[in-house]
Amino acid sequence: MPVVSGETIIGMLSYTDLMRISYAETSSVKEDRLETVVYNNFTIEQVMQKDVVTISANTPIKEAAKILAEREFHALPVVEDSTLVGIVTTTDLLKYFIKQF
């Protein structure tokens, strides 16, 4: 999920980011209190990835697929002039490739 300030992307938050803090910081917490501890003790800024890899709307599909595969990402923000204009996911690319065959 992209994190924005206005229309500018400042980070990305993934399920993996949330899982990492829940395991690292709450191993002694009972399961029924886990969500409360995780969501009350951390901010989005603390958990999000700040070094965001982005693409433009003109990036070739092959290049986007290569980035997703090599970096093991599941989503790439699409940015034009520092403004978030969309997001492309592995599911988007799979659907595109399926239509091609």
PDB file of N, CA and C in Angstrom:
ATOM      1  N   MET A   1       0.847  -1.157   0.000  1.00  0.00           N
ATOM      2  CA  MET A   1       0.000   0.000   0.000  1.00  0.00           C
ATOM      3  C   MET A   1       0.906   1.236   0.000  1.00  0.00           C
ATOM      4  N   PRO A   2       0.678   2.150  -0.938  1.00  0.00           N
ATOM      5  CA  PRO A   2       1.480   3.368  -0.944  1.00  0.00           C
ATOM      6  C   PRO A   2       1.088   4.301   0.198  1.00  0.00           C
ATOM      7  N   VAL A   3       2.082   4.973   0.751  1.00  0.00           N
ATOM      8  CA  VAL A   3       1.857   5.985   1.781  1.00  0.00           C
ATOM      9  C   VAL A   3       2.198   7.319   1.135  1.00  0.00           C
ATOM     10  N   VAL A   4       1.253   8.252   1.180  1.00  0.00           N
ATOM     11  CA  VAL A   4       1.452   9.530   0.503  1.00  0.00           C
ATOM     12  C   VAL A   4       1.339  10.702   1.456  1.00  0.00           C
ATOM     13  N   SER A   5       1.993  11.771   1.073  1.00  0.00           N
ATOM     14  CA  SER A   5       1.833  13.072   1.721  1.00  0.00           C
ATOM     15  C   SER A   5       1.330  13.979   0.618  1.00  0.00           C
ATOM     16  N   GLY A   6       0.063  14.351   0.676  1.00  0.00           N
ATOM     17  CA  GLY A   6      -0.553  15.048  -0.454  1.00  0.00           C
ATOM     18  C   GLY A   6      -0.674  14.046  -1.583  1.00  0.00           C
ATOM     19  N   GLU A   7      -0.023  14.338  -2.701  1.00  0.00           N
ATOM     20  CA  GLU A   7      -0.014  13.407  -3.834  1.00  0.00           C
ATOM     21  C   GLU A   7       1.352  12.764  -4.037  1.00  0.00           C
ATOM     22  N   THR A   8       2.302  13.062  -3.145  1.00  0.00           N
ATOM     23  CA  THR A   8       3.669  12.552  -3.270  1.00  0.00           C
ATOM     24  C   THR A   8       3.834  11.296  -2.436  1.00  0.00           C
ATOM     25  N   ILE A   9       4.383  10.248  -3.053  1.00  0.00           N
ATOM     26  CA  ILE A   9       4.614   9.001  -2.329  1.00  0.00           C
ATOM     27  C   ILE A   9       5.832   9.157  -1.421  1.00  0.00           C
ATOM     28  N   ILE A  10       5.662   8.751  -0.172  1.00  0.00           N
ATOM     29  CA  ILE A  10       6.761   8.863   0.797  1.00  0.00           C
ATOM     30  C   ILE A  10       7.150   7.496   1.371  1.00  0.00           C
ATOM     31  N   GLY A  11       6.387   6.466   1.043  1.00  0.00           N
ATOM     32  CA  GLY A  11       6.717   5.144   1.547  1.00  0.00           C
ATOM     33  C   GLY A  11       5.766   4.093   1.019  1.00  0.00           C
ATOM     34  N   MET A  12       6.071   2.846   1.362  1.00  0.00           N
ATOM     35  CA  MET A  12       5.210   1.716   1.026  1.00  0.00           C
ATOM     36  C   MET A  12       5.046   0.881   2.285  1.00  0.00           C
ATOM     37  N   LEU A  13       3.844   0.378   2.496  1.00  0.00           N
ATOM     38  CA  LEU A  13       3.542  -0.477   3.638  1.00  0.00           C
ATOM     39  C   LEU A  13       3.014  -1.791   3.102  1.00  0.00           C
ATOM     40  N   SER A  14       3.607  -2.880   3.542  1.00  0.00           N
ATOM     41  CA  SER A  14       3.185  -4.199   3.068  1.00  0.00           C
ATOM     42  C   SER A  14       2.767  -5.078   4.234  1.00  0.00           C
ATOM     43  N   TYR A  15       2.099  -6.135   3.893  1.00  0.00           N
ATOM     44  CA  TYR A  15       1.715  -7.144   4.875  1.00  0.00           C
ATOM     45  C   TYR A  15       2.968  -7.688   5.570  1.00  0.00           C
ATOM     46  N   THR A  16       4.032  -7.857   4.814  1.00  0.00           N
ATOM     47  CA  THR A  16       5.298  -8.347   5.375  1.00  0.00           C
ATOM     48  C   THR A  16       5.837  -7.384   6.420  1.00  0.00           C
ATOM     49  N   ASP A  17       5.716  -6.079   6.181  1.00  0.00           N
ATOM     50  CA  ASP A  17       6.168  -5.084   7.163  1.00  0.00           C
ATOM     51  C   ASP A  17       5.404  -5.250   8.473  1.00  0.00           C
ATOM     52  N   LEU A  18       4.096  -5.435   8.384  1.00  0.00           N
ATOM     53  CA  LEU A  18       3.276  -5.610   9.586  1.00  0.00           C
ATOM     54  C   LEU A  18       3.613  -6.913  10.306  1.00  0.00           C
ATOM     55  N   MET A  19       3.845  -7.967   9.539  1.00  0.00           N
ATOM     56  CA  MET A  19       4.190  -9.249  10.147  1.00  0.00           C
ATOM     57  C   MET A  19       5.540  -9.179  10.857  1.00  0.00           C
ATOM     58  N   ARG A  20       6.472  -8.460  10.265  1.00  0.00           N
ATOM     59  CA  ARG A  20       7.811  -8.342  10.850  1.00  0.00           C
ATOM     60  C   ARG A  20       7.736  -7.714  12.244  1.00  0.00           C
ATOM     61  N   ILE A  21       6.958  -6.650  12.408  1.00  0.00           N
ATOM     62  CA  ILE A  21       6.891  -6.020  13.729  1.00  0.00           C
ATOM     63  C   ILE A  21       6.078  -6.860  14.696  1.00  0.00           C
ATOM     64  N   SER A  22       5.083  -7.561  14.203  1.00  0.00           N
ATOM     65  CA  SER A  22       4.264  -8.355  15.124  1.00  0.00           C
ATOM     66  C   SER A  22       5.077  -9.499  15.707  1.00  0.00           C
ATOM     67  N   TYR A  23       5.953 -10.109  14.917  1.00  0.00           N
ATOM     68  CA  TYR A  23       6.788 -11.190  15.434  1.00  0.00           C
ATOM     69  C   TYR A  23       7.920 -10.660  16.303  1.00  0.00           C
ATOM     70  N   ALA A  24       8.518  -9.573  15.875  1.00  0.00           N
ATOM     71  CA  ALA A  24       9.685  -9.052  16.588  1.00  0.00           C
ATOM     72  C   ALA A  24       9.333  -8.416  17.924  1.00  0.00           C
ATOM     73  N   GLU A  25       8.225  -7.724  17.971  1.00  0.00           N
ATOM     74  CA  GLU A  25       7.929  -6.926  19.146  1.00  0.00           C
ATOM     75  C   GLU A  25       6.870  -7.508  20.078  1.00  0.00           C
ATOM     76  N   THR A  26       6.178  -8.563  19.666  1.00  0.00           N
ATOM     77  CA  THR A  26       5.052  -9.022  20.469  1.00  0.00           C
ATOM     78  C   THR A  26       5.085 -10.516  20.740  1.00  0.00           C
ATOM     79  N   SER A  27       6.236 -11.105  20.741  1.00  0.00           N
ATOM     80  CA  SER A  27       6.324 -12.551  20.915  1.00  0.00           C
ATOM     81  C   SER A  27       5.803 -13.009  22.272  1.00  0.00           C
ATOM     82  N   SER A  28       5.808 -12.158  23.260  1.00  0.00           N
ATOM     83  CA  SER A  28       5.337 -12.552  24.583  1.00  0.00           C
ATOM     84  C   SER A  28       3.878 -12.167  24.834  1.00  0.00           C
ATOM     85  N   VAL A  29       3.229 -11.569  23.847  1.00  0.00           N
ATOM     86  CA  VAL A  29       1.852 -11.107  24.006  1.00  0.00           C
ATOM     87  C   VAL A  29       0.887 -12.221  23.621  1.00  0.00           C
ATOM     88  N   LYS A  30      -0.183 -12.371  24.396  1.00  0.00           N
ATOM     89  CA  LYS A  30      -1.198 -13.363  24.077  1.00  0.00           C
ATOM     90  C   LYS A  30      -1.831 -13.015  22.741  1.00  0.00           C
ATOM     91  N   GLU A  31      -2.203 -14.033  21.986  1.00  0.00           N
ATOM     92  CA  GLU A  31      -2.707 -13.853  20.627  1.00  0.00           C
ATOM     93  C   GLU A  31      -3.908 -12.917  20.548  1.00  0.00           C
ATOM     94  N   ASP A  32      -4.816 -12.965  21.520  1.00  0.00           N
ATOM     95  CA  ASP A  32      -6.004 -12.120  21.464  1.00  0.00           C
ATOM     96  C   ASP A  32      -5.695 -10.638  21.650  1.00  0.00           C
ATOM     97  N   ARG A  33      -4.515 -10.301  22.170  1.00  0.00           N
ATOM     98  CA  ARG A  33      -4.116  -8.907  22.357  1.00  0.00           C
ATOM     99  C   ARG A  33      -3.120  -8.438  21.297  1.00  0.00           C
ATOM    100  N   LEU A  34      -2.716  -9.317  20.396  1.00  0.00           N
ATOM    101  CA  LEU A  34      -1.675  -9.011  19.424  1.00  0.00           C
ATOM    102  C   LEU A  34      -2.025  -7.802  18.559  1.00  0.00           C
ATOM    103  N   GLU A  35      -3.214  -7.774  17.972  1.00  0.00           N
ATOM    104  CA  GLU A  35      -3.596  -6.646  17.123  1.00  0.00           C
ATOM    105  C   GLU A  35      -3.537  -5.327  17.875  1.00  0.00           C
ATOM    106  N   THR A  36      -4.038  -5.304  19.080  1.00  0.00           N
ATOM    107  CA  THR A  36      -4.047  -4.085  19.880  1.00  0.00           C
ATOM    108  C   THR A  36      -2.638  -3.584  20.122  1.00  0.00           C
ATOM    109  N   VAL A  37      -1.742  -4.469  20.493  1.00  0.00           N
ATOM    110  CA  VAL A  37      -0.353  -4.085  20.769  1.00  0.00           C
ATOM    111  C   VAL A  37       0.320  -3.554  19.507  1.00  0.00           C
ATOM    112  N   VAL A  38       0.180  -4.259  18.396  1.00  0.00           N
ATOM    113  CA  VAL A  38       0.834  -3.849  17.150  1.00  0.00           C
ATOM    114  C   VAL A  38       0.301  -2.508  16.680  1.00  0.00           C
ATOM    115  N   TYR A  39      -1.006  -2.356  16.619  1.00  0.00           N
ATOM    116  CA  TYR A  39      -1.586  -1.140  16.058  1.00  0.00           C
ATOM    117  C   TYR A  39      -1.489   0.065  16.983  1.00  0.00           C
ATOM    118  N   ASN A  40      -1.319  -0.138  18.264  1.00  0.00           N
ATOM    119  CA  ASN A  40      -1.232   0.988  19.195  1.00  0.00           C
ATOM    120  C   ASN A  40       0.193   1.443  19.487  1.00  0.00           C
ATOM    121  N   ASN A  41       1.177   0.629  19.204  1.00  0.00           N
ATOM    122  CA  ASN A  41       2.548   0.961  19.572  1.00  0.00           C
ATOM    123  C   ASN A  41       3.421   1.442  18.423  1.00  0.00           C
ATOM    124  N   PHE A  42       2.949   1.372  17.200  1.00  0.00           N
ATOM    125  CA  PHE A  42       3.761   1.761  16.047  1.00  0.00           C
ATOM    126  C   PHE A  42       2.992   2.731  15.173  1.00  0.00           C
ATOM    127  N   THR A  43       3.733   3.626  14.523  1.00  0.00           N
ATOM    128  CA  THR A  43       3.134   4.512  13.534  1.00  0.00           C
ATOM    129  C   THR A  43       3.425   3.956  12.143  1.00  0.00           C
ATOM    130  N   ILE A  44       2.667   4.415  11.171  1.00  0.00           N
ATOM    131  CA  ILE A  44       2.912   4.004   9.783  1.00  0.00           C
ATOM    132  C   ILE A  44       4.331   4.378   9.383  1.00  0.00           C
ATOM    133  N   GLU A  45       4.776   5.555   9.781  1.00  0.00           N
ATOM    134  CA  GLU A  45       6.124   6.015   9.421  1.00  0.00           C
ATOM    135  C   GLU A  45       7.201   5.077   9.966  1.00  0.00           C
ATOM    136  N   GLN A  46       6.992   4.515  11.151  1.00  0.00           N
ATOM    137  CA  GLN A  46       7.970   3.599  11.736  1.00  0.00           C
ATOM    138  C   GLN A  46       8.032   2.277  10.989  1.00  0.00           C
ATOM    139  N   VAL A  47       6.944   1.861  10.402  1.00  0.00           N
ATOM    140  CA  VAL A  47       6.845   0.532   9.812  1.00  0.00           C
ATOM    141  C   VAL A  47       7.081   0.538   8.304  1.00  0.00           C
ATOM    142  N   MET A  48       6.704   1.611   7.621  1.00  0.00           N
ATOM    143  CA  MET A  48       6.768   1.641   6.156  1.00  0.00           C
ATOM    144  C   MET A  48       8.203   1.607   5.639  1.00  0.00           C
ATOM    145  N   GLN A  49       8.322   1.155   4.411  1.00  0.00           N
ATOM    146  CA  GLN A  49       9.596   1.207   3.703  1.00  0.00           C
ATOM    147  C   GLN A  49       9.725   2.597   3.096  1.00  0.00           C
ATOM    148  N   LYS A  50      10.831   3.268   3.391  1.00  0.00           N
ATOM    149  CA  LYS A  50      10.985   4.649   2.938  1.00  0.00           C
ATOM    150  C   LYS A  50      11.713   4.778   1.610  1.00  0.00           C
ATOM    151  N   ASP A  51      12.547   3.819   1.277  1.00  0.00           N
ATOM    152  CA  ASP A  51      13.268   3.853   0.001  1.00  0.00           C
ATOM    153  C   ASP A  51      12.411   3.155  -1.050  1.00  0.00           C
ATOM    154  N   VAL A  52      11.513   3.920  -1.646  1.00  0.00           N
ATOM    155  CA  VAL A  52      10.516   3.351  -2.540  1.00  0.00           C
ATOM    156  C   VAL A  52      11.037   3.284  -3.968  1.00  0.00           C
ATOM    157  N   VAL A  53      10.904   2.117  -4.572  1.00  0.00           N
ATOM    158  CA  VAL A  53      11.208   1.940  -5.986  1.00  0.00           C
ATOM    159  C   VAL A  53       9.929   2.263  -6.746  1.00  0.00           C
ATOM    160  N   THR A  54      10.028   3.171  -7.706  1.00  0.00           N
ATOM    161  CA  THR A  54       8.857   3.567  -8.482  1.00  0.00           C
ATOM    162  C   THR A  54       9.119   3.374  -9.966  1.00  0.00           C
ATOM    163  N   ILE A  55       8.040   3.407 -10.744  1.00  0.00           N
ATOM    164  CA  ILE A  55       8.139   3.389 -12.199  1.00  0.00           C
ATOM    165  C   ILE A  55       7.257   4.516 -12.728  1.00  0.00           C
ATOM    166  N   SER A  56       7.434   4.828 -14.012  1.00  0.00           N
ATOM    167  CA  SER A  56       6.564   5.820 -14.650  1.00  0.00           C
ATOM    168  C   SER A  56       5.522   5.078 -15.476  1.00  0.00           C
ATOM    169  N   ALA A  57       4.524   5.803 -15.938  1.00  0.00           N
ATOM    170  CA  ALA A  57       3.491   5.204 -16.771  1.00  0.00           C
ATOM    171  C   ALA A  57       4.062   4.735 -18.107  1.00  0.00           C
ATOM    172  N   ASN A  58       5.224   5.239 -18.482  1.00  0.00           N
ATOM    173  CA  ASN A  58       5.864   4.858 -19.744  1.00  0.00           C
ATOM    174  C   ASN A  58       6.843   3.694 -19.608  1.00  0.00           C
ATOM    175  N   THR A  59       7.000   3.167 -18.407  1.00  0.00           N
ATOM    176  CA  THR A  59       7.902   2.038 -18.200  1.00  0.00           C
ATOM    177  C   THR A  59       7.359   0.815 -18.935  1.00  0.00           C
ATOM    178  N   PRO A  60       8.196   0.147 -19.729  1.00  0.00           N
ATOM    179  CA  PRO A  60       7.729  -1.060 -20.427  1.00  0.00           C
ATOM    180  C   PRO A  60       7.279  -2.144 -19.434  1.00  0.00           C
ATOM    181  N   ILE A  61       6.271  -2.899 -19.828  1.00  0.00           N
ATOM    182  CA  ILE A  61       5.739  -3.964 -18.979  1.00  0.00           C
ATOM    183  C   ILE A  61       6.837  -4.949 -18.595  1.00  0.00           C
ATOM    184  N   LYS A  62       7.700  -5.284 -19.546  1.00  0.00           N
ATOM    185  CA  LYS A  62       8.791  -6.225 -19.265  1.00  0.00           C
ATOM    186  C   LYS A  62       9.684  -5.710 -18.142  1.00  0.00           C
ATOM    187  N   GLU A  63       9.982  -4.405 -18.135  1.00  0.00           N
ATOM    188  CA  GLU A  63      10.826  -3.813 -17.090  1.00  0.00           C
ATOM    189  C   GLU A  63      10.129  -3.855 -15.734  1.00  0.00           C
ATOM    190  N   ALA A  64       8.830  -3.555 -15.715  1.00  0.00           N
ATOM    191  CA  ALA A  64       8.072  -3.624 -14.458  1.00  0.00           C
ATOM    192  C   ALA A  64       8.079  -5.053 -13.916  1.00  0.00           C
ATOM    193  N   ALA A  65       7.856  -6.024 -14.786  1.00  0.00           N
ATOM    194  CA  ALA A  65       7.867  -7.433 -14.369  1.00  0.00           C
ATOM    195  C   ALA A  65       9.245  -7.836 -13.841  1.00  0.00           C
ATOM    196  N   LYS A  66      10.284  -7.350 -14.492  1.00  0.00           N
ATOM    197  CA  LYS A  66      11.651  -7.653 -14.061  1.00  0.00           C
ATOM    198  C   LYS A  66      11.918  -7.096 -12.658  1.00  0.00           C
ATOM    199  N   ILE A  67      11.505  -5.874 -12.404  1.00  0.00           N
ATOM    200  CA  ILE A  67      11.694  -5.264 -11.078  1.00  0.00           C
ATOM    201  C   ILE A  67      10.936  -6.056 -10.019  1.00  0.00           C
ATOM    202  N   LEU A  68       9.677  -6.382 -10.304  1.00  0.00           N
ATOM    203  CA  LEU A  68       8.876  -7.147  -9.348  1.00  0.00           C
ATOM    204  C   LEU A  68       9.529  -8.489  -9.034  1.00  0.00           C
ATOM    205  N   ALA A  69      10.013  -9.167 -10.059  1.00  0.00           N
ATOM    206  CA  ALA A  69      10.618 -10.493  -9.866  1.00  0.00           C
ATOM    207  C   ALA A  69      11.960 -10.409  -9.133  1.00  0.00           C
ATOM    208  N   GLU A  70      12.829  -9.514  -9.567  1.00  0.00           N
ATOM    209  CA  GLU A  70      14.164  -9.428  -8.977  1.00  0.00           C
ATOM    210  C   GLU A  70      14.148  -8.896  -7.548  1.00  0.00           C
ATOM    211  N   ARG A  71      13.275  -7.950  -7.276  1.00  0.00           N
ATOM    212  CA  ARG A  71      13.222  -7.338  -5.945  1.00  0.00           C
ATOM    213  C   ARG A  71      12.235  -8.040  -5.011  1.00  0.00           C
ATOM    214  N   GLU A  72      11.500  -9.028  -5.578  1.00  0.00           N
ATOM    215  CA  GLU A  72      10.505  -9.796  -4.830  1.00  0.00           C
ATOM    216  C   GLU A  72       9.425  -8.890  -4.238  1.00  0.00           C
ATOM    217  N   PHE A  73       9.020  -7.892  -5.036  1.00  0.00           N
ATOM    218  CA  PHE A  73       7.928  -7.004  -4.674  1.00  0.00           C
ATOM    219  C   PHE A  73       6.626  -7.590  -5.207  1.00  0.00           C
ATOM    220  N   HIS A  74       5.530  -7.110  -4.675  1.00  0.00           N
ATOM    221  CA  HIS A  74       4.221  -7.490  -5.187  1.00  0.00           C
ATOM    222  C   HIS A  74       3.485  -6.295  -5.764  1.00  0.00           C
ATOM    223  N   ALA A  75       4.073  -5.097  -5.617  1.00  0.00           N
ATOM    224  CA  ALA A  75       3.446  -3.883  -6.138  1.00  0.00           C
ATOM    225  C   ALA A  75       4.503  -2.823  -6.406  1.00  0.00           C
ATOM    226  N   LEU A  76       4.256  -2.031  -7.434  1.00  0.00           N
ATOM    227  CA  LEU A  76       5.131  -0.909  -7.775  1.00  0.00           C
ATOM    228  C   LEU A  76       4.294   0.344  -7.963  1.00  0.00           C
ATOM    229  N   PRO A  77       4.627   1.403  -7.244  1.00  0.00           N
ATOM    230  CA  PRO A  77       3.924   2.665  -7.457  1.00  0.00           C
ATOM    231  C   PRO A  77       4.300   3.260  -8.815  1.00  0.00           C
ATOM    232  N   VAL A  78       3.311   3.839  -9.472  1.00  0.00           N
ATOM    233  CA  VAL A  78       3.524   4.529 -10.741  1.00  0.00           C
ATOM    234  C   VAL A  78       3.476   6.025 -10.436  1.00  0.00           C
ATOM    235  N   VAL A  79       4.570   6.724 -10.781  1.00  0.00           N
ATOM    236  CA  VAL A  79       4.740   8.127 -10.406  1.00  0.00           C
ATOM    237  C   VAL A  79       5.037   8.958 -11.645  1.00  0.00           C
ATOM    238  N   GLU A  80       4.413  10.131 -11.697  1.00  0.00           N
ATOM    239  CA  GLU A  80       4.710  11.125 -12.736  1.00  0.00           C
ATOM    240  C   GLU A  80       4.967  12.454 -12.040  1.00  0.00           C
ATOM    241  N   ASP A  81       6.137  13.032 -12.256  1.00  0.00           N
ATOM    242  CA  ASP A  81       6.513  14.310 -11.632  1.00  0.00           C
ATOM    243  C   ASP A  81       6.298  14.291 -10.124  1.00  0.00           C
ATOM    244  N   SER A  82       6.765  13.243  -9.469  1.00  0.00           N
ATOM    245  CA  SER A  82       6.677  13.060  -8.016  1.00  0.00           C
ATOM    246  C   SER A  82       5.254  12.838  -7.499  1.00  0.00           C
ATOM    247  N   THR A  83       4.287  12.701  -8.389  1.00  0.00           N
ATOM    248  CA  THR A  83       2.901  12.478  -7.984  1.00  0.00           C
ATOM    249  C   THR A  83       2.509  11.027  -8.239  1.00  0.00           C
ATOM    250  N   LEU A  84       1.941  10.392  -7.235  1.00  0.00           N
ATOM    251  CA  LEU A  84       1.460   9.026  -7.383  1.00  0.00           C
ATOM    252  C   LEU A  84       0.243   9.032  -8.299  1.00  0.00           C
ATOM    253  N   VAL A  85       0.333   8.286  -9.412  1.00  0.00           N
ATOM    254  CA  VAL A  85      -0.775   8.241 -10.364  1.00  0.00           C
ATOM    255  C   VAL A  85      -1.392   6.850 -10.461  1.00  0.00           C
ATOM    256  N   GLY A  86      -0.756   5.866  -9.824  1.00  0.00           N
ATOM    257  CA  GLY A  86      -1.291   4.512  -9.871  1.00  0.00           C
ATOM    258  C   GLY A  86      -0.369   3.526  -9.198  1.00  0.00           C
ATOM    259  N   ILE A  87      -0.736   2.266  -9.308  1.00  0.00           N
ATOM    260  CA  ILE A  87       0.074   1.192  -8.758  1.00  0.00           C
ATOM    261  C   ILE A  87      -0.127  -0.020  -9.645  1.00  0.00           C
ATOM    262  N   VAL A  88       0.946  -0.721  -9.947  1.00  0.00           N
ATOM    263  CA  VAL A  88       0.855  -1.951 -10.729  1.00  0.00           C
ATOM    264  C   VAL A  88       1.271  -3.098  -9.820  1.00  0.00           C
ATOM    265  N   THR A  89       0.513  -4.179  -9.871  1.00  0.00           N
ATOM    266  CA  THR A  89       0.764  -5.322  -8.996  1.00  0.00           C
ATOM    267  C   THR A  89       1.124  -6.558  -9.811  1.00  0.00           C
ATOM    268  N   THR A  90       1.604  -7.563  -9.131  1.00  0.00           N
ATOM    269  CA  THR A  90       1.894  -8.832  -9.808  1.00  0.00           C
ATOM    270  C   THR A  90       0.618  -9.405 -10.412  1.00  0.00           C
ATOM    271  N   THR A  91      -0.496  -9.231  -9.749  1.00  0.00           N
ATOM    272  CA  THR A  91      -1.775  -9.713 -10.276  1.00  0.00           C
ATOM    273  C   THR A  91      -2.136  -8.983 -11.567  1.00  0.00           C
ATOM    274  N   ASP A  92      -1.902  -7.672 -11.617  1.00  0.00           N
ATOM    275  CA  ASP A  92      -2.156  -6.913 -12.846  1.00  0.00           C
ATOM    276  C   ASP A  92      -1.353  -7.485 -14.012  1.00  0.00           C
ATOM    277  N   LEU A  93      -0.079  -7.758 -13.759  1.00  0.00           N
ATOM    278  CA  LEU A  93       0.779  -8.277 -14.826  1.00  0.00           C
ATOM    279  C   LEU A  93       0.374  -9.686 -15.233  1.00  0.00           C
ATOM    280  N   LEU A  94       0.018 -10.517 -14.279  1.00  0.00           N
ATOM    281  CA  LEU A  94      -0.428 -11.867 -14.622  1.00  0.00           C
ATOM    282  C   LEU A  94      -1.681 -11.823 -15.490  1.00  0.00           C
ATOM    283  N   LYS A  95      -2.626 -10.970 -15.137  1.00  0.00           N
ATOM    284  CA  LYS A  95      -3.849 -10.830 -15.945  1.00  0.00           C
ATOM    285  C   LYS A  95      -3.513 -10.353 -17.357  1.00  0.00           C
ATOM    286  N   TYR A  96      -2.582  -9.412 -17.463  1.00  0.00           N
ATOM    287  CA  TYR A  96      -2.165  -8.920 -18.772  1.00  0.00           C
ATOM    288  C   TYR A  96      -1.546 -10.046 -19.596  1.00  0.00           C
ATOM    289  N   PHE A  97      -0.645 -10.801 -18.990  1.00  0.00           N
ATOM    290  CA  PHE A  97       0.023 -11.883 -19.714  1.00  0.00           C
ATOM    291  C   PHE A  97      -0.957 -12.984 -20.130  1.00  0.00           C
ATOM    292  N   ILE A  98      -1.924 -13.271 -19.295  1.00  0.00           N
ATOM    293  CA  ILE A  98      -2.943 -14.279 -19.623  1.00  0.00           C
ATOM    294  C   ILE A  98      -3.734 -13.843 -20.850  1.00  0.00           C
ATOM    295  N   LYS A  99      -4.079 -12.572 -20.930  1.00  0.00           N
ATOM    296  CA  LYS A  99      -4.825 -12.061 -22.087  1.00  0.00           C
ATOM    297  C   LYS A  99      -4.031 -12.161 -23.387  1.00  0.00           C
ATOM    298  N   GLN A 100      -2.696 -12.153 -23.262  1.00  0.00           N
ATOM    299  CA  GLN A 100      -1.855 -12.203 -24.450  1.00  0.00           C
ATOM    300  C   GLN A 100      -1.825 -13.586 -25.103  1.00  0.00           C
ATOM    301  N   PHE A 101      -2.219 -14.622 -24.351  1.00  0.00           N
ATOM    302  CA  PHE A 101      -2.141 -15.994 -24.889  1.00  0.00           C
ATOM    303  C   PHE A 101      -3.485 -16.559 -25.195  1.00  0.00           C
TER     304      PHE A 101
END
